[in-house]
Amino acid sequence: MRSVMKASSAEPLGGAAPPRWPFWDDLRRQDWARSALHGVNAAVVGLLLAALYNPVWTAGITSAGDFALAIAGFLLLFMWQTPPWLVVVLCAIGGGLIAAL
C-alpha cells in the first residue's frame, strides 16, 4: 500500500513518474480486457445520465426559462470555454432573475 501511495504522490510533488506495473501493461494489450472496459465505461455513462435526468432534470428544469438557462450554461462551458466559476455566478444571477419574474 505504501508503494501505491508513494507512486501517486510522486508526480504532483515533482518527483519521478510512478513505476510501471507489468500486470496492467499486459492487461491493457488484451482485446477482451479493452472490450470489457469499454462496456463498463458505457454502463457508467448511462448511470450518470440516468442520475442527471431523474433528480436534477425533473426537479430543476420546470419552465422554459430554466431550460434556456441550462442551455446557456452549457454553451458557455463547452462552446465558448468560459471559466466554470464564472458560469456558476452567471447562472446564479440568471436563476435569481427567473425566480423574480
Protein backbone atom coordinates (compact mmCIF):
# COMPACT_ATOMS: atom_id res chain seq x y z
CA MET A 1 0.00 0.00 0.00
CA ARG A 2 2.83 2.37 0.75
CA SER A 3 4.26 1.90 -2.72
CA VAL A 4 0.91 2.84 -4.27
CA MET A 5 0.63 5.95 -2.11
CA LYS A 6 4.25 6.86 -2.79
CA ALA A 7 3.81 6.44 -6.53
CA SER A 8 0.64 8.52 -6.62
CA SER A 9 2.20 11.37 -4.66
CA ALA A 10 5.49 11.43 -6.55
CA GLU A 11 4.21 13.19 -9.66
CA PRO A 12 2.38 16.15 -8.07
CA LEU A 13 5.36 16.76 -5.80
CA GLY A 14 7.72 16.97 -8.76
CA GLY A 15 9.27 13.55 -8.30
CA ALA A 16 9.84 10.84 -10.81
CA ALA A 17 6.99 9.26 -12.68
CA PRO A 18 5.30 6.34 -10.92
CA PRO A 19 6.71 2.90 -11.68
CA ARG A 20 5.23 0.78 -14.46
CA TRP A 21 3.12 -2.16 -13.38
CA PRO A 22 3.71 -5.13 -15.72
CA PHE A 23 0.35 -6.72 -14.90
CA TRP A 24 -1.59 -3.65 -16.05
CA ASP A 25 0.60 -3.22 -19.11
CA ASP A 26 -0.08 -6.83 -20.12
CA LEU A 27 -3.79 -6.49 -19.40
CA ARG A 28 -4.02 -3.28 -21.43
CA ARG A 29 -2.81 -5.15 -24.51
CA GLN A 30 -5.57 -7.79 -24.31
CA ASP A 31 -8.50 -7.16 -26.64
CA TRP A 32 -11.02 -8.80 -24.30
CA ALA A 33 -9.92 -6.56 -21.41
CA ARG A 34 -10.18 -3.46 -23.54
CA SER A 35 -13.65 -4.50 -24.71
CA ALA A 36 -14.73 -5.13 -21.12
CA LEU A 37 -13.53 -1.69 -20.07
CA HIS A 38 -15.41 -0.09 -22.97
CA GLY A 39 -18.55 -1.85 -21.77
CA VAL A 40 -18.00 -0.72 -18.18
CA ASN A 41 -17.40 2.82 -19.42
CA ALA A 42 -20.68 2.77 -21.38
CA ALA A 43 -22.55 1.48 -18.32
CA VAL A 44 -21.11 4.23 -16.11
CA VAL A 45 -22.05 6.91 -18.65
CA GLY A 46 -25.59 5.50 -18.76
CA LEU A 47 -25.87 5.55 -14.97
CA LEU A 48 -24.60 9.12 -14.82
CA LEU A 49 -27.11 10.24 -17.44
CA ALA A 50 -29.93 8.50 -15.57
CA ALA A 51 -28.83 10.15 -12.33
CA LEU A 52 -28.72 13.53 -14.07
CA TYR A 53 -32.16 13.12 -15.59
CA ASN A 54 -34.21 11.82 -12.69
CA PRO A 55 -33.44 14.07 -9.73
CA VAL A 56 -31.79 17.01 -11.49
CA TRP A 57 -33.71 17.48 -14.72
CA THR A 58 -37.19 16.55 -13.46
CA ALA A 59 -36.93 18.72 -10.33
CA GLY A 60 -34.74 21.56 -11.59
CA ILE A 61 -35.95 22.24 -15.13
CA THR A 62 -39.57 23.18 -14.66
CA SER A 63 -40.06 26.00 -17.15
CA ALA A 64 -38.82 27.32 -20.46
CA GLY A 65 -36.69 29.87 -18.62
CA ASP A 66 -34.95 27.10 -16.66
CA PHE A 67 -34.31 25.23 -19.88
CA ALA A 68 -32.89 28.34 -21.57
CA LEU A 69 -30.63 28.97 -18.58
CA ALA A 70 -29.36 25.38 -18.67
CA ILE A 71 -28.65 25.62 -22.40
CA ALA A 72 -26.89 28.97 -21.91
CA GLY A 73 -24.71 27.47 -19.16
CA PHE A 74 -23.86 24.51 -21.38
CA LEU A 75 -22.94 26.77 -24.29
CA LEU A 76 -20.84 29.00 -22.05
CA LEU A 77 -18.89 25.99 -20.79
CA PHE A 78 -18.41 23.97 -23.94
CA MET A 79 -18.68 26.33 -26.90
CA TRP A 80 -17.07 29.48 -25.51
CA GLN A 81 -14.91 27.80 -22.81
CA THR A 82 -15.91 30.27 -20.13
CA PRO A 83 -14.30 29.55 -16.74
CA PRO A 84 -16.60 27.31 -14.66
CA TRP A 85 -16.68 29.70 -11.69
CA LEU A 86 -17.99 32.46 -13.98
CA VAL A 87 -20.65 30.14 -15.42
CA VAL A 88 -21.81 29.34 -11.88
CA VAL A 89 -22.02 33.05 -11.00
CA LEU A 90 -23.87 33.91 -14.22
CA CYS A 91 -26.30 31.00 -13.82
CA ALA A 92 -26.97 32.01 -10.21
CA ILE A 93 -27.75 35.54 -11.34
CA GLY A 94 -29.91 34.22 -14.18
CA GLY A 95 -31.75 31.88 -11.80
CA GLY A 96 -32.41 34.78 -9.46
CA LEU A 97 -33.79 36.84 -12.32
CA ILE A 98 -36.00 33.97 -13.49
CA ALA A 99 -37.34 33.49 -9.94
CA ALA A 100 -38.03 37.24 -9.61
CA LEU A 101 -40.05 37.32 -12.82
